[in-house]
All heavy atoms as atom14 arrays in JSON, in Angstrom:
{
  "sequence": "ASDYALAQGAHVITQSYSWWWTDQPDYEAFRRQSDTVLAAGILHVNSG",
  "atom14_mask": [
    [1, 1, 1, 1, 1, 0, 0, 0, 0, 0, 0, 0, 0, 0],
    [1, 1, 1, 1, 1, 1, 0, 0, 0, 0, 0, 0, 0, 0],
    [1, 1, 1, 1, 1, 1, 1, 1, 0, 0, 0, 0, 0, 0],
    [1, 1, 1, 1, 1, 1, 1, 1, 1, 1, 1, 1, 0, 0],
    [1, 1, 1, 1, 1, 0, 0, 0, 0, 0, 0, 0, 0, 0],
    [1, 1, 1, 1, 1, 1, 1, 1, 0, 0, 0, 0, 0, 0],
    [1, 1, 1, 1, 1, 0, 0, 0, 0, 0, 0, 0, 0, 0],
    [1, 1, 1, 1, 1, 1, 1, 1, 1, 0, 0, 0, 0, 0],
    [1, 1, 1, 1, 0, 0, 0, 0, 0, 0, 0, 0, 0, 0],
    [1, 1, 1, 1, 1, 0, 0, 0, 0, 0, 0, 0, 0, 0],
    [1, 1, 1, 1, 1, 1, 1, 1, 1, 1, 0, 0, 0, 0],
    [1, 1, 1, 1, 1, 1, 1, 0, 0, 0, 0, 0, 0, 0],
    [1, 1, 1, 1, 1, 1, 1, 1, 0, 0, 0, 0, 0, 0],
    [1, 1, 1, 1, 1, 1, 1, 0, 0, 0, 0, 0, 0, 0],
    [1, 1, 1, 1, 1, 1, 1, 1, 1, 0, 0, 0, 0, 0],
    [1, 1, 1, 1, 1, 1, 0, 0, 0, 0, 0, 0, 0, 0],
    [1, 1, 1, 1, 1, 1, 1, 1, 1, 1, 1, 1, 0, 0],
    [1, 1, 1, 1, 1, 1, 0, 0, 0, 0, 0, 0, 0, 0],
    [1, 1, 1, 1, 1, 1, 1, 1, 1, 1, 1, 1, 1, 1],
    [1, 1, 1, 1, 1, 1, 1, 1, 1, 1, 1, 1, 1, 1],
    [1, 1, 1, 1, 1, 1, 1, 1, 1, 1, 1, 1, 1, 1],
    [1, 1, 1, 1, 1, 1, 1, 0, 0, 0, 0, 0, 0, 0],
    [1, 1, 1, 1, 1, 1, 1, 1, 0, 0, 0, 0, 0, 0],
    [1, 1, 1, 1, 1, 1, 1, 1, 1, 0, 0, 0, 0, 0],
    [1, 1, 1, 1, 1, 1, 1, 0, 0, 0, 0, 0, 0, 0],
    [1, 1, 1, 1, 1, 1, 1, 1, 0, 0, 0, 0, 0, 0],
    [1, 1, 1, 1, 1, 1, 1, 1, 1, 1, 1, 1, 0, 0],
    [1, 1, 1, 1, 1, 1, 1, 1, 1, 0, 0, 0, 0, 0],
    [1, 1, 1, 1, 1, 0, 0, 0, 0, 0, 0, 0, 0, 0],
    [1, 1, 1, 1, 1, 1, 1, 1, 1, 1, 1, 0, 0, 0],
    [1, 1, 1, 1, 1, 1, 1, 1, 1, 1, 1, 0, 0, 0],
    [1, 1, 1, 1, 1, 1, 1, 1, 1, 1, 1, 0, 0, 0],
    [1, 1, 1, 1, 1, 1, 1, 1, 1, 0, 0, 0, 0, 0],
    [1, 1, 1, 1, 1, 1, 0, 0, 0, 0, 0, 0, 0, 0],
    [1, 1, 1, 1, 1, 1, 1, 1, 0, 0, 0, 0, 0, 0],
    [1, 1, 1, 1, 1, 1, 1, 0, 0, 0, 0, 0, 0, 0],
    [1, 1, 1, 1, 1, 1, 1, 0, 0, 0, 0, 0, 0, 0],
    [1, 1, 1, 1, 1, 1, 1, 1, 0, 0, 0, 0, 0, 0],
    [1, 1, 1, 1, 1, 0, 0, 0, 0, 0, 0, 0, 0, 0],
    [1, 1, 1, 1, 1, 0, 0, 0, 0, 0, 0, 0, 0, 0],
    [1, 1, 1, 1, 0, 0, 0, 0, 0, 0, 0, 0, 0, 0],
    [1, 1, 1, 1, 1, 1, 1, 1, 0, 0, 0, 0, 0, 0],
    [1, 1, 1, 1, 1, 1, 1, 1, 0, 0, 0, 0, 0, 0],
    [1, 1, 1, 1, 1, 1, 1, 1, 1, 1, 0, 0, 0, 0],
    [1, 1, 1, 1, 1, 1, 1, 0, 0, 0, 0, 0, 0, 0],
    [1, 1, 1, 1, 1, 1, 1, 1, 0, 0, 0, 0, 0, 0],
    [1, 1, 1, 1, 1, 1, 0, 0, 0, 0, 0, 0, 0, 0],
    [1, 1, 1, 1, 0, 0, 0, 0, 0, 0, 0, 0, 0, 0]
  ],
  "atom14_positions": [
    [[-10.95, -1.01, 24.47], [-11.07, -2.49, 24.5], [-9.81, -3.16, 24.66], [-9.64, -4.11, 25.33], [-11.78, -2.85, 23.14], [0.0, 0.0, 0.0], [0.0, 0.0, 0.0], [0.0, 0.0, 0.0], [0.0, 0.0, 0.0], [0.0, 0.0, 0.0], [0.0, 0.0, 0.0], [0.0, 0.0, 0.0], [0.0, 0.0, 0.0], [0.0, 0.0, 0.0]],
    [[-8.75, -2.6, 24.0], [-7.37, -3.14, 24.08], [-6.89, -3.0, 25.54], [-6.37, -4.08, 26.16], [-6.4, -2.41, 23.17], [-5.06, -2.98, 23.26], [0.0, 0.0, 0.0], [0.0, 0.0, 0.0], [0.0, 0.0, 0.0], [0.0, 0.0, 0.0], [0.0, 0.0, 0.0], [0.0, 0.0, 0.0], [0.0, 0.0, 0.0], [0.0, 0.0, 0.0]],
    [[-7.06, -2.0, 26.22], [-6.75, -1.88, 27.67], [-7.48, -2.81, 28.44], [-6.91, -3.41, 29.4], [-7.08, -0.36, 28.12], [-6.19, 0.72, 27.6], [-5.2, 0.37, 26.81], [-6.44, 1.94, 27.81], [0.0, 0.0, 0.0], [0.0, 0.0, 0.0], [0.0, 0.0, 0.0], [0.0, 0.0, 0.0], [0.0, 0.0, 0.0], [0.0, 0.0, 0.0]],
    [[-8.75, -2.97, 28.17], [-9.55, -3.97, 28.95], [-8.93, -5.42, 28.86], [-8.75, -6.13, 29.79], [-10.99, -3.89, 28.47], [-11.94, -4.92, 29.22], [-12.85, -4.44, 30.15], [-12.01, -6.27, 28.82], [-13.56, -5.33, 30.91], [-12.76, -7.1, 29.46], [-13.64, -6.68, 30.5], [-14.48, -7.5, 31.22], [0.0, 0.0, 0.0], [0.0, 0.0, 0.0]],
    [[-8.64, -5.75, 27.56], [-8.04, -7.05, 27.3], [-6.79, -7.38, 27.99], [-6.55, -8.4, 28.64], [-7.95, -7.28, 25.8], [0.0, 0.0, 0.0], [0.0, 0.0, 0.0], [0.0, 0.0, 0.0], [0.0, 0.0, 0.0], [0.0, 0.0, 0.0], [0.0, 0.0, 0.0], [0.0, 0.0, 0.0], [0.0, 0.0, 0.0], [0.0, 0.0, 0.0]],
    [[-6.0, -6.27, 28.09], [-4.67, -6.41, 28.76], [-4.89, -6.59, 30.2], [-4.33, -7.56, 30.87], [-3.74, -5.28, 28.52], [-3.03, -5.04, 27.22], [-2.3, -3.8, 27.2], [-2.05, -6.27, 27.08], [0.0, 0.0, 0.0], [0.0, 0.0, 0.0], [0.0, 0.0, 0.0], [0.0, 0.0, 0.0], [0.0, 0.0, 0.0], [0.0, 0.0, 0.0]],
    [[-5.77, -5.75, 30.78], [-5.92, -5.79, 32.19], [-6.68, -7.04, 32.68], [-6.41, -7.53, 33.7], [-6.76, -4.62, 32.64], [0.0, 0.0, 0.0], [0.0, 0.0, 0.0], [0.0, 0.0, 0.0], [0.0, 0.0, 0.0], [0.0, 0.0, 0.0], [0.0, 0.0, 0.0], [0.0, 0.0, 0.0], [0.0, 0.0, 0.0], [0.0, 0.0, 0.0]],
    [[-7.46, -7.65, 31.8], [-8.3, -8.89, 32.26], [-7.54, -10.1, 31.78], [-8.17, -11.26, 32.1], [-9.65, -8.76, 31.53], [-10.47, -7.61, 32.06], [-10.88, -7.71, 33.51], [-10.64, -6.75, 34.16], [-11.3, -8.85, 34.0], [0.0, 0.0, 0.0], [0.0, 0.0, 0.0], [0.0, 0.0, 0.0], [0.0, 0.0, 0.0], [0.0, 0.0, 0.0]],
    [[-6.39, -10.16, 31.29], [-5.52, -11.29, 31.16], [-5.68, -12.04, 29.72], [-5.26, -13.12, 29.7], [0.0, 0.0, 0.0], [0.0, 0.0, 0.0], [0.0, 0.0, 0.0], [0.0, 0.0, 0.0], [0.0, 0.0, 0.0], [0.0, 0.0, 0.0], [0.0, 0.0, 0.0], [0.0, 0.0, 0.0], [0.0, 0.0, 0.0], [0.0, 0.0, 0.0]],
    [[-6.15, -11.29, 28.73], [-6.16, -11.96, 27.37], [-4.69, -12.34, 26.89], [-3.74, -11.51, 27.27], [-6.86, -11.03, 26.35], [0.0, 0.0, 0.0], [0.0, 0.0, 0.0], [0.0, 0.0, 0.0], [0.0, 0.0, 0.0], [0.0, 0.0, 0.0], [0.0, 0.0, 0.0], [0.0, 0.0, 0.0], [0.0, 0.0, 0.0], [0.0, 0.0, 0.0]],
    [[-4.44, -13.33, 26.23], [-3.18, -13.79, 25.71], [-3.09, -13.33, 24.24], [-1.9, -13.15, 23.81], [-2.94, -15.29, 25.78], [-3.19, -15.87, 27.14], [-4.29, -16.54, 27.62], [-2.31, -15.86, 28.24], [-4.05, -16.97, 28.81], [-2.99, -16.5, 29.3], [0.0, 0.0, 0.0], [0.0, 0.0, 0.0], [0.0, 0.0, 0.0], [0.0, 0.0, 0.0]],
    [[-4.19, -13.2, 23.65], [-4.12, -12.77, 22.14], [-5.22, -11.73, 21.99], [-6.34, -11.87, 22.57], [-4.4, -13.94, 21.15], [-4.48, -13.45, 19.75], [-3.3, -15.0, 21.41], [0.0, 0.0, 0.0], [0.0, 0.0, 0.0], [0.0, 0.0, 0.0], [0.0, 0.0, 0.0], [0.0, 0.0, 0.0], [0.0, 0.0, 0.0], [0.0, 0.0, 0.0]],
    [[-4.98, -10.72, 21.15], [-6.11, -9.8, 20.74], [-6.17, -9.85, 19.32], [-5.19, -9.55, 18.52], [-5.66, -8.32, 21.17], [-5.55, -8.16, 22.77], [-6.68, -7.37, 20.65], [-5.04, -6.81, 23.23], [0.0, 0.0, 0.0], [0.0, 0.0, 0.0], [0.0, 0.0, 0.0], [0.0, 0.0, 0.0], [0.0, 0.0, 0.0], [0.0, 0.0, 0.0]],
    [[-7.37, -10.19, 18.79], [-7.66, -10.14, 17.45], [-8.62, -9.0, 17.2], [-9.65, -8.92, 17.78], [-8.28, -11.37, 16.86], [-8.68, -11.22, 15.51], [-9.57, -11.85, 17.68], [0.0, 0.0, 0.0], [0.0, 0.0, 0.0], [0.0, 0.0, 0.0], [0.0, 0.0, 0.0], [0.0, 0.0, 0.0], [0.0, 0.0, 0.0], [0.0, 0.0, 0.0]],
    [[-8.15, -7.97, 16.35], [-8.83, -6.7, 16.25], [-9.08, -6.53, 14.67], [-8.26, -6.13, 13.93], [-7.94, -5.52, 16.69], [-8.64, -4.22, 16.61], [-7.9, -3.18, 17.37], [-7.67, -3.33, 18.66], [-7.28, -2.18, 16.76], [0.0, 0.0, 0.0], [0.0, 0.0, 0.0], [0.0, 0.0, 0.0], [0.0, 0.0, 0.0], [0.0, 0.0, 0.0]],
    [[-10.32, -6.94, 14.31], [-10.65, -6.88, 12.9], [-11.2, -5.56, 12.6], [-12.36, -5.18, 12.5], [-11.73, -7.85, 12.55], [-11.87, -7.99, 11.11], [0.0, 0.0, 0.0], [0.0, 0.0, 0.0], [0.0, 0.0, 0.0], [0.0, 0.0, 0.0], [0.0, 0.0, 0.0], [0.0, 0.0, 0.0], [0.0, 0.0, 0.0], [0.0, 0.0, 0.0]],
    [[-10.18, -4.61, 12.48], [-10.62, -3.18, 12.42], [-9.83, -2.5, 11.29], [-8.53, -2.45, 11.26], [-10.13, -2.46, 13.77], [-10.44, -1.04, 14.0], [-11.58, -0.63, 14.81], [-9.71, -0.03, 13.4], [-11.97, 0.56, 14.94], [-10.11, 1.29, 13.64], [-11.21, 1.65, 14.44], [-11.46, 2.94, 14.63], [0.0, 0.0, 0.0], [0.0, 0.0, 0.0]],
    [[-10.58, -1.96, 10.41], [-9.94, -1.2, 9.17], [-10.33, 0.21, 9.09], [-11.37, 0.54, 9.62], [-10.2, -2.03, 7.93], [-9.93, -3.37, 7.92], [0.0, 0.0, 0.0], [0.0, 0.0, 0.0], [0.0, 0.0, 0.0], [0.0, 0.0, 0.0], [0.0, 0.0, 0.0], [0.0, 0.0, 0.0], [0.0, 0.0, 0.0], [0.0, 0.0, 0.0]],
    [[-9.49, 1.02, 8.49], [-9.75, 2.4, 8.29], [-10.34, 2.6, 6.95], [-9.58, 2.73, 5.95], [-8.55, 3.17, 8.53], [-8.73, 4.57, 9.0], [-9.12, 5.71, 8.36], [-8.79, 4.94, 10.43], [-9.33, 6.79, 9.22], [-9.03, 6.31, 10.43], [-8.54, 4.29, 11.7], [-9.16, 7.01, 11.62], [-8.66, 4.99, 12.79], [-8.99, 6.31, 12.82]],
    [[-11.64, 2.65, 6.83], [-12.29, 2.68, 5.48], [-12.66, 4.19, 5.16], [-13.19, 4.28, 4.02], [-13.5, 1.9, 5.56], [-13.35, 0.38, 5.61], [-12.17, -0.19, 5.81], [-14.28, -0.65, 5.64], [-12.26, -1.63, 5.97], [-13.59, -1.83, 5.75], [-15.7, -0.64, 5.43], [-14.17, -3.08, 5.79], [-16.3, -1.89, 5.44], [-15.66, -3.06, 5.65]],
    [[-12.5, 5.18, 5.97], [-12.98, 6.41, 5.56], [-11.73, 7.23, 4.91], [-10.76, 6.71, 4.87], [-13.59, 7.1, 6.76], [-12.94, 6.98, 8.03], [-11.84, 7.65, 8.65], [-13.29, 5.96, 8.95], [-11.49, 7.16, 9.87], [-12.37, 6.04, 10.09], [-14.17, 4.9, 8.97], [-12.41, 5.21, 11.17], [-14.27, 4.06, 10.14], [-13.42, 4.22, 11.18]],
    [[-12.17, 8.47, 4.5], [-11.18, 9.22, 3.64], [-9.99, 9.64, 4.28], [-8.93, 9.56, 3.81], [-11.96, 10.32, 2.96], [-12.57, 11.21, 4.01], [-13.02, 9.83, 2.06], [0.0, 0.0, 0.0], [0.0, 0.0, 0.0], [0.0, 0.0, 0.0], [0.0, 0.0, 0.0], [0.0, 0.0, 0.0], [0.0, 0.0, 0.0], [0.0, 0.0, 0.0]],
    [[-10.08, 10.31, 5.53], [-8.96, 10.84, 6.14], [-8.18, 9.62, 6.84], [-8.81, 8.73, 7.31], [-9.31, 11.92, 7.15], [-10.23, 11.49, 8.23], [-11.28, 10.81, 7.88], [-9.99, 11.71, 9.45], [0.0, 0.0, 0.0], [0.0, 0.0, 0.0], [0.0, 0.0, 0.0], [0.0, 0.0, 0.0], [0.0, 0.0, 0.0], [0.0, 0.0, 0.0]],
    [[-6.95, 9.87, 6.91], [-6.09, 8.72, 7.43], [-6.11, 8.67, 9.02], [-6.29, 9.72, 9.65], [-4.61, 8.96, 6.95], [-4.42, 8.75, 5.5], [-4.76, 7.31, 5.1], [-4.4, 6.3, 5.59], [-5.65, 7.17, 4.03], [0.0, 0.0, 0.0], [0.0, 0.0, 0.0], [0.0, 0.0, 0.0], [0.0, 0.0, 0.0], [0.0, 0.0, 0.0]],
    [[-5.9, 7.49, 9.52], [-5.76, 7.32, 10.97], [-4.57, 8.06, 11.58], [-3.58, 8.45, 10.8], [-5.68, 5.86, 11.23], [-5.07, 5.36, 9.88], [-5.55, 6.22, 8.82], [0.0, 0.0, 0.0], [0.0, 0.0, 0.0], [0.0, 0.0, 0.0], [0.0, 0.0, 0.0], [0.0, 0.0, 0.0], [0.0, 0.0, 0.0], [0.0, 0.0, 0.0]],
    [[-4.56, 8.1, 12.76], [-3.3, 8.7, 13.5], [-2.4, 7.38, 13.73], [-2.72, 6.7, 14.73], [-3.63, 9.33, 14.84], [-2.4, 9.96, 15.46], [-2.12, 11.15, 15.03], [-1.72, 9.4, 16.17], [0.0, 0.0, 0.0], [0.0, 0.0, 0.0], [0.0, 0.0, 0.0], [0.0, 0.0, 0.0], [0.0, 0.0, 0.0], [0.0, 0.0, 0.0]],
    [[-1.49, 7.27, 12.88], [-0.75, 5.95, 12.94], [0.04, 5.92, 14.2], [0.29, 4.77, 14.75], [0.25, 5.95, 11.74], [-0.38, 5.73, 10.35], [-0.44, 6.71, 9.45], [-1.05, 4.51, 10.14], [-1.02, 6.57, 8.18], [-1.69, 4.36, 8.89], [-1.61, 5.27, 7.96], [-2.25, 5.21, 6.8], [0.0, 0.0, 0.0], [0.0, 0.0, 0.0]],
    [[0.55, 7.0, 14.79], [1.25, 7.01, 16.06], [0.36, 6.37, 17.18], [0.83, 5.58, 18.0], [1.7, 8.34, 16.47], [2.55, 8.29, 17.77], [3.06, 9.7, 18.22], [2.5, 10.65, 17.67], [3.81, 9.77, 19.19], [0.0, 0.0, 0.0], [0.0, 0.0, 0.0], [0.0, 0.0, 0.0], [0.0, 0.0, 0.0], [0.0, 0.0, 0.0]],
    [[-0.87, 6.69, 17.23], [-1.8, 6.24, 18.41], [-1.89, 4.76, 18.27], [-1.93, 4.06, 19.17], [-3.1, 6.89, 18.22], [0.0, 0.0, 0.0], [0.0, 0.0, 0.0], [0.0, 0.0, 0.0], [0.0, 0.0, 0.0], [0.0, 0.0, 0.0], [0.0, 0.0, 0.0], [0.0, 0.0, 0.0], [0.0, 0.0, 0.0], [0.0, 0.0, 0.0]],
    [[-2.1, 4.2, 16.96], [-2.22, 2.82, 16.78], [-0.91, 2.07, 16.98], [-0.91, 0.94, 17.5], [-2.9, 2.52, 15.42], [-4.36, 2.76, 15.31], [-4.9, 3.85, 14.92], [-5.18, 1.65, 15.6], [-6.35, 4.06, 14.91], [-6.59, 1.71, 15.45], [-7.1, 3.1, 15.13], [0.0, 0.0, 0.0], [0.0, 0.0, 0.0], [0.0, 0.0, 0.0]],
    [[0.19, 2.77, 16.68], [1.44, 2.13, 16.89], [1.7, 2.01, 18.5], [2.21, 1.04, 18.92], [2.54, 2.96, 16.38], [3.99, 2.55, 16.65], [4.28, 1.15, 16.4], [4.18, 0.79, 15.08], [4.3, -0.49, 14.5], [4.37, -1.46, 15.39], [4.14, -0.68, 13.22], [0.0, 0.0, 0.0], [0.0, 0.0, 0.0], [0.0, 0.0, 0.0]],
    [[1.23, 3.1, 19.13], [1.43, 2.98, 20.6], [0.65, 1.78, 21.2], [1.08, 1.11, 22.17], [0.92, 4.28, 21.29], [1.87, 5.5, 21.1], [1.39, 6.66, 21.85], [2.37, 7.76, 21.98], [2.34, 8.87, 22.55], [1.29, 8.93, 23.43], [3.13, 9.78, 22.44], [0.0, 0.0, 0.0], [0.0, 0.0, 0.0], [0.0, 0.0, 0.0]],
    [[-0.61, 1.56, 20.68], [-1.36, 0.52, 21.12], [-0.67, -0.76, 20.85], [-0.53, -1.67, 21.85], [-2.82, 0.4, 20.42], [-3.62, -0.72, 20.76], [-4.75, -1.04, 19.82], [-4.74, -0.58, 18.67], [-5.69, -1.86, 20.17], [0.0, 0.0, 0.0], [0.0, 0.0, 0.0], [0.0, 0.0, 0.0], [0.0, 0.0, 0.0], [0.0, 0.0, 0.0]],
    [[-0.18, -0.96, 19.72], [0.61, -2.26, 19.38], [1.84, -2.35, 20.2], [2.14, -3.55, 20.69], [1.02, -2.25, 17.97], [-0.19, -2.29, 17.05], [0.0, 0.0, 0.0], [0.0, 0.0, 0.0], [0.0, 0.0, 0.0], [0.0, 0.0, 0.0], [0.0, 0.0, 0.0], [0.0, 0.0, 0.0], [0.0, 0.0, 0.0], [0.0, 0.0, 0.0]],
    [[2.57, -1.25, 20.46], [3.73, -1.37, 21.27], [3.47, -1.73, 22.79], [4.21, -2.55, 23.47], [4.52, -0.06, 21.28], [5.26, 0.34, 20.02], [5.38, -0.62, 19.23], [5.61, 1.43, 19.85], [0.0, 0.0, 0.0], [0.0, 0.0, 0.0], [0.0, 0.0, 0.0], [0.0, 0.0, 0.0], [0.0, 0.0, 0.0], [0.0, 0.0, 0.0]],
    [[2.41, -1.25, 23.36], [1.99, -1.58, 24.65], [1.69, -3.03, 24.74], [2.0, -3.8, 25.72], [0.8, -0.72, 25.2], [1.3, 0.58, 25.25], [0.37, -1.08, 26.6], [0.0, 0.0, 0.0], [0.0, 0.0, 0.0], [0.0, 0.0, 0.0], [0.0, 0.0, 0.0], [0.0, 0.0, 0.0], [0.0, 0.0, 0.0], [0.0, 0.0, 0.0]],
    [[0.93, -3.52, 23.76], [0.42, -4.94, 23.73], [1.68, -5.83, 23.59], [1.83, -6.87, 24.35], [-0.52, -5.15, 22.58], [-0.76, -6.71, 22.38], [-1.89, -4.45, 22.9], [0.0, 0.0, 0.0], [0.0, 0.0, 0.0], [0.0, 0.0, 0.0], [0.0, 0.0, 0.0], [0.0, 0.0, 0.0], [0.0, 0.0, 0.0], [0.0, 0.0, 0.0]],
    [[2.63, -5.5, 22.74], [3.73, -6.29, 22.52], [4.68, -6.3, 23.81], [5.19, -7.33, 24.2], [4.7, -5.65, 21.36], [6.04, -6.36, 21.16], [5.88, -7.83, 20.82], [6.71, -5.62, 20.07], [0.0, 0.0, 0.0], [0.0, 0.0, 0.0], [0.0, 0.0, 0.0], [0.0, 0.0, 0.0], [0.0, 0.0, 0.0], [0.0, 0.0, 0.0]],
    [[4.85, -5.08, 24.45], [5.55, -5.15, 25.71], [5.09, -5.99, 26.74], [5.79, -6.63, 27.47], [5.72, -3.7, 26.18], [0.0, 0.0, 0.0], [0.0, 0.0, 0.0], [0.0, 0.0, 0.0], [0.0, 0.0, 0.0], [0.0, 0.0, 0.0], [0.0, 0.0, 0.0], [0.0, 0.0, 0.0], [0.0, 0.0, 0.0], [0.0, 0.0, 0.0]],
    [[3.74, -6.11, 26.79], [3.09, -6.94, 27.85], [3.12, -8.49, 27.44], [2.66, -9.32, 28.26], [1.69, -6.48, 27.92], [0.0, 0.0, 0.0], [0.0, 0.0, 0.0], [0.0, 0.0, 0.0], [0.0, 0.0, 0.0], [0.0, 0.0, 0.0], [0.0, 0.0, 0.0], [0.0, 0.0, 0.0], [0.0, 0.0, 0.0], [0.0, 0.0, 0.0]],
    [[3.75, -8.7, 26.15], [3.77, -10.17, 25.92], [2.64, -10.66, 25.21], [2.44, -11.92, 25.21], [0.0, 0.0, 0.0], [0.0, 0.0, 0.0], [0.0, 0.0, 0.0], [0.0, 0.0, 0.0], [0.0, 0.0, 0.0], [0.0, 0.0, 0.0], [0.0, 0.0, 0.0], [0.0, 0.0, 0.0], [0.0, 0.0, 0.0], [0.0, 0.0, 0.0]],
    [[1.78, -9.87, 24.72], [0.47, -10.34, 24.24], [0.56, -10.23, 22.68], [1.2, -9.41, 21.99], [-0.68, -9.44, 24.65], [-0.68, -9.2, 26.12], [-1.96, -9.87, 24.17], [-0.72, -10.5, 26.83], [0.0, 0.0, 0.0], [0.0, 0.0, 0.0], [0.0, 0.0, 0.0], [0.0, 0.0, 0.0], [0.0, 0.0, 0.0], [0.0, 0.0, 0.0]],
    [[0.04, -11.18, 21.94], [-0.02, -11.23, 20.43], [-1.18, -10.41, 19.95], [-2.33, -10.65, 20.43], [-0.16, -12.69, 20.01], [-0.28, -12.89, 18.48], [1.04, -12.41, 17.78], [-0.45, -14.31, 18.1], [0.0, 0.0, 0.0], [0.0, 0.0, 0.0], [0.0, 0.0, 0.0], [0.0, 0.0, 0.0], [0.0, 0.0, 0.0], [0.0, 0.0, 0.0]],
    [[-0.85, -9.39, 19.13], [-1.88, -8.59, 18.58], [-2.13, -9.03, 17.04], [-1.12, -8.86, 16.26], [-1.56, -7.16, 18.65], [-2.62, -6.18, 18.01], [-3.46, -5.4, 18.74], [-2.84, -5.9, 16.76], [-4.17, -4.71, 17.99], [-3.86, -5.03, 16.72], [0.0, 0.0, 0.0], [0.0, 0.0, 0.0], [0.0, 0.0, 0.0], [0.0, 0.0, 0.0]],
    [[-3.26, -9.35, 16.68], [-3.52, -9.75, 15.28], [-4.53, -8.76, 14.79], [-5.65, -8.61, 15.31], [-4.1, -11.2, 15.17], [-4.27, -11.55, 13.71], [-3.08, -12.2, 15.85], [0.0, 0.0, 0.0], [0.0, 0.0, 0.0], [0.0, 0.0, 0.0], [0.0, 0.0, 0.0], [0.0, 0.0, 0.0], [0.0, 0.0, 0.0], [0.0, 0.0, 0.0]],
    [[-4.28, -8.23, 13.58], [-5.26, -7.22, 12.92], [-5.56, -7.64, 11.61], [-4.79, -8.17, 10.89], [-4.66, -5.75, 13.04], [-5.74, -4.72, 13.13], [-5.94, -4.25, 14.15], [-6.26, -4.36, 11.92], [0.0, 0.0, 0.0], [0.0, 0.0, 0.0], [0.0, 0.0, 0.0], [0.0, 0.0, 0.0], [0.0, 0.0, 0.0], [0.0, 0.0, 0.0]],
    [[-6.8, -7.19, 11.21], [-7.24, -7.6, 9.81], [-6.43, -6.72, 8.85], [-5.93, -5.65, 9.16], [-8.68, -7.16, 9.64], [-8.86, -5.83, 9.83], [0.0, 0.0, 0.0], [0.0, 0.0, 0.0], [0.0, 0.0, 0.0], [0.0, 0.0, 0.0], [0.0, 0.0, 0.0], [0.0, 0.0, 0.0], [0.0, 0.0, 0.0], [0.0, 0.0, 0.0]],
    [[-6.23, -7.23, 7.57], [-5.56, -6.62, 6.62], [-6.55, -5.89, 5.62], [-6.06, -5.47, 4.45], [0.0, 0.0, 0.0], [0.0, 0.0, 0.0], [0.0, 0.0, 0.0], [0.0, 0.0, 0.0], [0.0, 0.0, 0.0], [0.0, 0.0, 0.0], [0.0, 0.0, 0.0], [0.0, 0.0, 0.0], [0.0, 0.0, 0.0], [0.0, 0.0, 0.0]]
  ]
}
């Protein structure tokens, strides 16, 4: 979905997405997503 938003011209991505299960997420993969969005000049907002 993030790739789609970037390719289609979104200026802001709001991603209300939390990791509620027991094993931890792969932080590097999510960091890569944020880095790509930032490099493209897009504001990424995520739920806390």
